[in-house]
Amino acid sequence: MDTIHLAVVEDVLEIREGLKFLLNQGKDFTCPVAYASAEEGLAGLLQNPPEIVVMDISLPGMSGIECMRQVKAKRPEMQFLMFTVFEDAEQIFQALSAGANGYLLKNASPNKIIEAIRELHQGGAPMSTAIARKVVGSFRPAEAVPDNSGLSVREREVLEYLAKGLLYKEIGDQLGISTGTVRQHIHHIYRKLHVQNRTEAINKAFGAR
C-alpha cells in the first residue's frame, strides 16, 4: 500500500497536535509536519509539498483559503481538505472556488477524518453531511436525480447519497455493495455527466431542472 504524505495547517495547538498524532497512526499515512499559521504553511508546503493538506480556514493573519489559493497556483496537484467550524454558504463556496477538494467540519469523528482522506486520495471529494446539503441547497431543491440525467437507477441512488455527504464506504453500507463498486459507479456518473468531481456532479444533476 502506498503511503499518503500529509500536512496540517491549524493554529490551535491541541487540534494541530491531535490531528498530527491521528494521521500518523495509520500504516498508509505519514504526517511529518503541522504548521501553526498560513504564512508558515505557505512556505513549508511549497518547499516540501505533501499530497494532501488538512487546512483550517480561520487562521491568524492570512486565511486558510488564501493560503490554499496561493499554493494551488504553484502546485495545482496538491489536494486540500478544509477542516473548519465554518458551515455558512459564503465560506464553503469561497473555499470550493479557491480549489478545495473536500470540506469537513471539526466535529467530524476520527474515523470520518481518516475515511475522508483516503477517499480524497482515491479521487473523491468528501464533505460533511451539513456541507453537502448546503451545496445541494444552493441549486434548485431536488429530492431525486432526474430520470433524464442519463444515469442508471443505481447510479442515481449513488449520486443522491453523494449529495447527502456520505463517504464511499457509507454509501456501500447503505446499498449493500463494496467500496470498489461504489467507486466504479461514481466513475461512470462523472463520465456520463461530463464532470470531474462531486460538486460538479451535484450541480449538473440537481441544478439543471
Protein backbone atom coordinates (compact mmCIF):
# COMPACT_ATOMS: atom_id res chain seq x y z
CA MET A 1 0.00 0.00 0.00
CA ASP A 2 1.35 3.43 -0.97
CA THR A 3 1.99 5.89 1.84
CA ILE A 4 -0.07 9.08 1.66
CA HIS A 5 2.04 12.11 2.56
CA LEU A 6 0.11 14.68 4.59
CA ALA A 7 0.50 18.05 6.26
CA VAL A 8 -1.68 20.03 8.68
CA VAL A 9 -2.21 23.80 8.90
CA GLU A 10 -4.03 24.65 12.15
CA ASP A 11 -3.39 27.41 14.69
CA VAL A 12 -4.92 25.75 17.78
CA LEU A 13 -2.13 23.71 19.39
CA GLU A 14 -4.36 20.93 20.77
CA ILE A 15 -6.14 20.39 17.45
CA ARG A 16 -2.90 20.65 15.47
CA GLU A 17 -1.08 18.08 17.58
CA GLY A 18 -4.16 15.87 17.80
CA LEU A 19 -4.52 15.77 14.02
CA LYS A 20 -0.83 15.10 13.54
CA PHE A 21 -0.98 12.24 16.04
CA LEU A 22 -4.12 10.79 14.43
CA LEU A 23 -2.71 10.96 10.91
CA ASN A 24 0.49 9.21 11.92
CA GLN A 25 -1.38 6.20 13.34
CA GLY A 26 -2.41 4.66 10.03
CA LYS A 27 0.05 2.41 8.19
CA ASP A 28 -0.76 4.20 4.93
CA PHE A 29 -0.36 7.75 6.32
CA THR A 30 2.61 9.91 7.24
CA CYS A 31 2.26 13.45 8.58
CA PRO A 32 5.72 14.77 9.50
CA VAL A 33 4.77 18.45 9.77
CA ALA A 34 1.97 20.60 11.17
CA TYR A 35 2.05 24.36 10.65
CA ALA A 36 0.62 26.93 13.07
CA SER A 37 -0.20 29.65 10.53
CA ALA A 38 -0.95 30.16 6.85
CA GLU A 39 2.28 32.09 6.37
CA GLU A 40 4.30 29.25 7.88
CA GLY A 41 2.31 26.74 5.89
CA LEU A 42 2.72 28.62 2.61
CA ALA A 43 6.50 28.45 2.82
CA GLY A 44 6.60 24.86 4.05
CA LEU A 45 4.04 23.42 1.64
CA LEU A 46 5.86 24.82 -1.37
CA GLN A 47 9.26 23.72 -0.14
CA ASN A 48 8.22 20.22 0.96
CA PRO A 49 4.94 19.51 -0.85
CA PRO A 50 2.68 16.80 0.61
CA GLU A 51 -0.07 15.06 -1.37
CA ILE A 52 -2.89 16.24 0.90
CA VAL A 53 -3.17 19.18 3.30
CA VAL A 54 -5.68 19.31 6.16
CA MET A 55 -6.30 23.06 6.26
CA ASP A 56 -8.09 25.25 8.79
CA ILE A 57 -9.83 28.33 7.38
CA SER A 58 -9.77 30.77 10.28
CA LEU A 59 -6.08 31.41 10.93
CA PRO A 60 -4.25 34.42 12.40
CA GLY A 61 -3.08 36.65 9.57
CA MET A 62 -3.63 35.09 6.16
CA SER A 63 -6.70 32.85 5.92
CA GLY A 64 -6.53 29.17 5.06
CA ILE A 65 -8.46 29.86 1.85
CA GLU A 66 -5.92 32.45 0.66
CA CYS A 67 -3.03 30.16 1.60
CA MET A 68 -4.60 27.35 -0.41
CA ARG A 69 -5.21 29.67 -3.37
CA GLN A 70 -1.55 30.70 -3.46
CA VAL A 71 -0.27 27.14 -3.07
CA LYS A 72 -2.65 25.85 -5.76
CA ALA A 73 -1.34 28.47 -8.20
CA LYS A 74 2.09 26.85 -8.00
CA ARG A 75 1.17 23.28 -7.01
CA PRO A 76 -2.22 22.57 -8.64
CA GLU A 77 -1.87 18.84 -7.98
CA MET A 78 -1.82 19.33 -4.20
CA GLN A 79 -5.16 18.44 -2.59
CA PHE A 80 -6.76 20.33 0.28
CA LEU A 81 -9.24 19.03 2.83
CA MET A 82 -10.71 22.05 4.60
CA PHE A 83 -11.19 21.31 8.31
CA THR A 84 -13.15 24.06 9.98
CA VAL A 85 -16.04 25.16 12.20
CA PHE A 86 -17.47 27.29 9.38
CA GLU A 87 -20.56 25.93 7.68
CA ASP A 88 -22.02 29.13 6.24
CA ALA A 89 -22.53 29.13 2.49
CA GLU A 90 -20.16 32.02 1.78
CA GLN A 91 -17.17 30.33 3.41
CA ILE A 92 -17.99 27.00 1.77
CA PHE A 93 -18.16 28.42 -1.73
CA GLN A 94 -15.12 30.63 -1.25
CA ALA A 95 -13.18 27.50 -0.29
CA LEU A 96 -14.55 25.42 -3.17
CA SER A 97 -13.93 28.23 -5.65
CA ALA A 98 -10.34 28.56 -4.43
CA GLY A 99 -9.73 24.87 -5.14
CA ALA A 100 -10.71 22.92 -2.02
CA ASN A 101 -11.04 19.20 -2.77
CA GLY A 102 -13.02 18.32 0.34
CA TYR A 103 -14.67 20.04 3.30
CA LEU A 104 -15.09 18.61 6.81
CA LEU A 105 -16.43 20.22 9.94
CA LYS A 106 -14.34 19.99 13.09
CA ASN A 107 -16.99 17.88 14.81
CA ALA A 108 -16.14 15.01 12.45
CA SER A 109 -15.08 11.81 14.21
CA PRO A 110 -11.51 10.50 13.86
CA ASN A 111 -12.81 7.66 11.67
CA LYS A 112 -14.61 10.16 9.42
CA ILE A 113 -11.40 12.17 9.04
CA ILE A 114 -9.39 9.08 8.11
CA GLU A 115 -12.04 7.86 5.65
CA ALA A 116 -12.27 11.32 4.09
CA ILE A 117 -8.52 11.49 3.47
CA ARG A 118 -8.50 8.03 1.91
CA GLU A 119 -11.47 8.95 -0.27
CA LEU A 120 -9.76 12.18 -1.33
CA HIS A 121 -6.62 10.26 -2.24
CA GLN A 122 -8.72 7.89 -4.36
CA GLY A 123 -10.23 10.73 -6.36
CA GLY A 124 -13.30 11.53 -4.28
CA ALA A 125 -14.48 14.85 -2.85
CA PRO A 126 -15.55 14.18 0.75
CA MET A 127 -17.83 16.62 2.55
CA SER A 128 -19.56 16.68 5.90
CA THR A 129 -23.27 15.97 5.53
CA ALA A 130 -24.23 19.53 6.54
CA ILE A 131 -21.87 20.95 3.91
CA ALA A 132 -23.16 18.70 1.14
CA ARG A 133 -26.72 19.75 1.96
CA LYS A 134 -25.77 23.40 1.61
CA VAL A 135 -24.12 22.69 -1.74
CA VAL A 136 -27.25 20.94 -2.96
CA GLY A 137 -29.42 23.68 -1.47
CA SER A 138 -27.56 26.31 -3.48
CA PHE A 139 -29.01 24.75 -6.61
CA ARG A 140 -32.67 24.06 -7.24
CA PRO A 141 -34.08 21.86 -4.47
CA ALA A 142 -34.47 18.27 -5.55
CA GLU A 143 -35.36 15.05 -3.79
CA ALA A 144 -34.09 12.75 -6.54
CA VAL A 145 -31.83 12.83 -9.57
CA PRO A 146 -34.00 13.34 -12.69
CA ASP A 147 -34.62 10.36 -14.97
CA ASN A 148 -33.33 12.32 -17.96
CA SER A 149 -29.85 12.56 -16.43
CA GLY A 150 -28.73 9.52 -18.44
CA LEU A 151 -27.81 7.65 -15.25
CA SER A 152 -28.97 4.17 -14.31
CA VAL A 153 -31.22 3.67 -11.29
CA ARG A 154 -28.26 2.54 -9.16
CA GLU A 155 -26.11 5.44 -10.34
CA ARG A 156 -28.86 7.88 -9.37
CA GLU A 157 -29.04 6.26 -5.94
CA VAL A 158 -25.27 6.61 -5.51
CA LEU A 159 -25.37 10.27 -6.57
CA GLU A 160 -28.21 11.01 -4.15
CA TYR A 161 -26.12 9.58 -1.30
CA LEU A 162 -23.11 11.58 -2.50
CA ALA A 163 -25.28 14.71 -2.32
CA LYS A 164 -26.10 13.89 1.30
CA GLY A 165 -22.39 13.91 2.13
CA LEU A 166 -21.84 10.19 2.63
CA LEU A 167 -18.39 8.73 2.08
CA TYR A 168 -17.82 5.85 -0.34
CA LYS A 169 -17.81 3.25 2.46
CA GLU A 170 -21.03 4.66 3.92
CA ILE A 171 -22.72 4.57 0.51
CA GLY A 172 -21.62 0.96 0.10
CA ASP A 173 -23.09 0.10 3.50
CA GLN A 174 -26.39 1.75 2.58
CA LEU A 175 -26.65 -0.07 -0.75
CA GLY A 176 -25.08 -3.38 0.28
CA ILE A 177 -22.21 -3.10 -2.21
CA SER A 178 -18.44 -2.86 -1.89
CA THR A 179 -16.47 0.39 -1.78
CA GLY A 180 -14.85 -0.62 -5.07
CA THR A 181 -18.26 -0.98 -6.70
CA VAL A 182 -19.27 2.45 -5.38
CA ARG A 183 -16.09 3.88 -6.89
CA GLN A 184 -16.95 2.30 -10.27
CA HIS A 185 -20.45 3.77 -10.19
CA ILE A 186 -19.04 7.22 -9.39
CA HIS A 187 -16.56 6.93 -12.24
CA HIS A 188 -19.47 6.16 -14.58
CA ILE A 189 -21.51 9.05 -13.14
CA TYR A 190 -18.70 11.53 -13.77
CA ARG A 191 -18.18 10.19 -17.29
CA LYS A 192 -21.88 10.33 -18.21
CA LEU A 193 -22.37 13.81 -16.75
CA HIS A 194 -19.03 15.06 -18.17
CA VAL A 195 -17.83 16.30 -14.78
CA GLN A 196 -14.68 15.93 -12.69
CA ASN A 197 -15.87 15.90 -9.08
CA ARG A 198 -18.76 15.59 -6.64
CA THR A 199 -19.66 19.29 -6.63
CA GLU A 200 -19.88 19.44 -10.43
CA ALA A 201 -21.95 16.24 -10.50
CA ILE A 202 -24.42 17.62 -7.94
CA ASN A 203 -24.65 20.89 -9.87
CA LYS A 204 -25.23 19.08 -13.17
CA ALA A 205 -27.80 16.64 -11.79
CA PHE A 206 -29.74 18.85 -9.38
CA GLY A 207 -29.20 22.32 -10.79
CA ALA A 208 -30.41 21.93 -14.35
CA ARG A 209 -34.13 21.40 -13.94
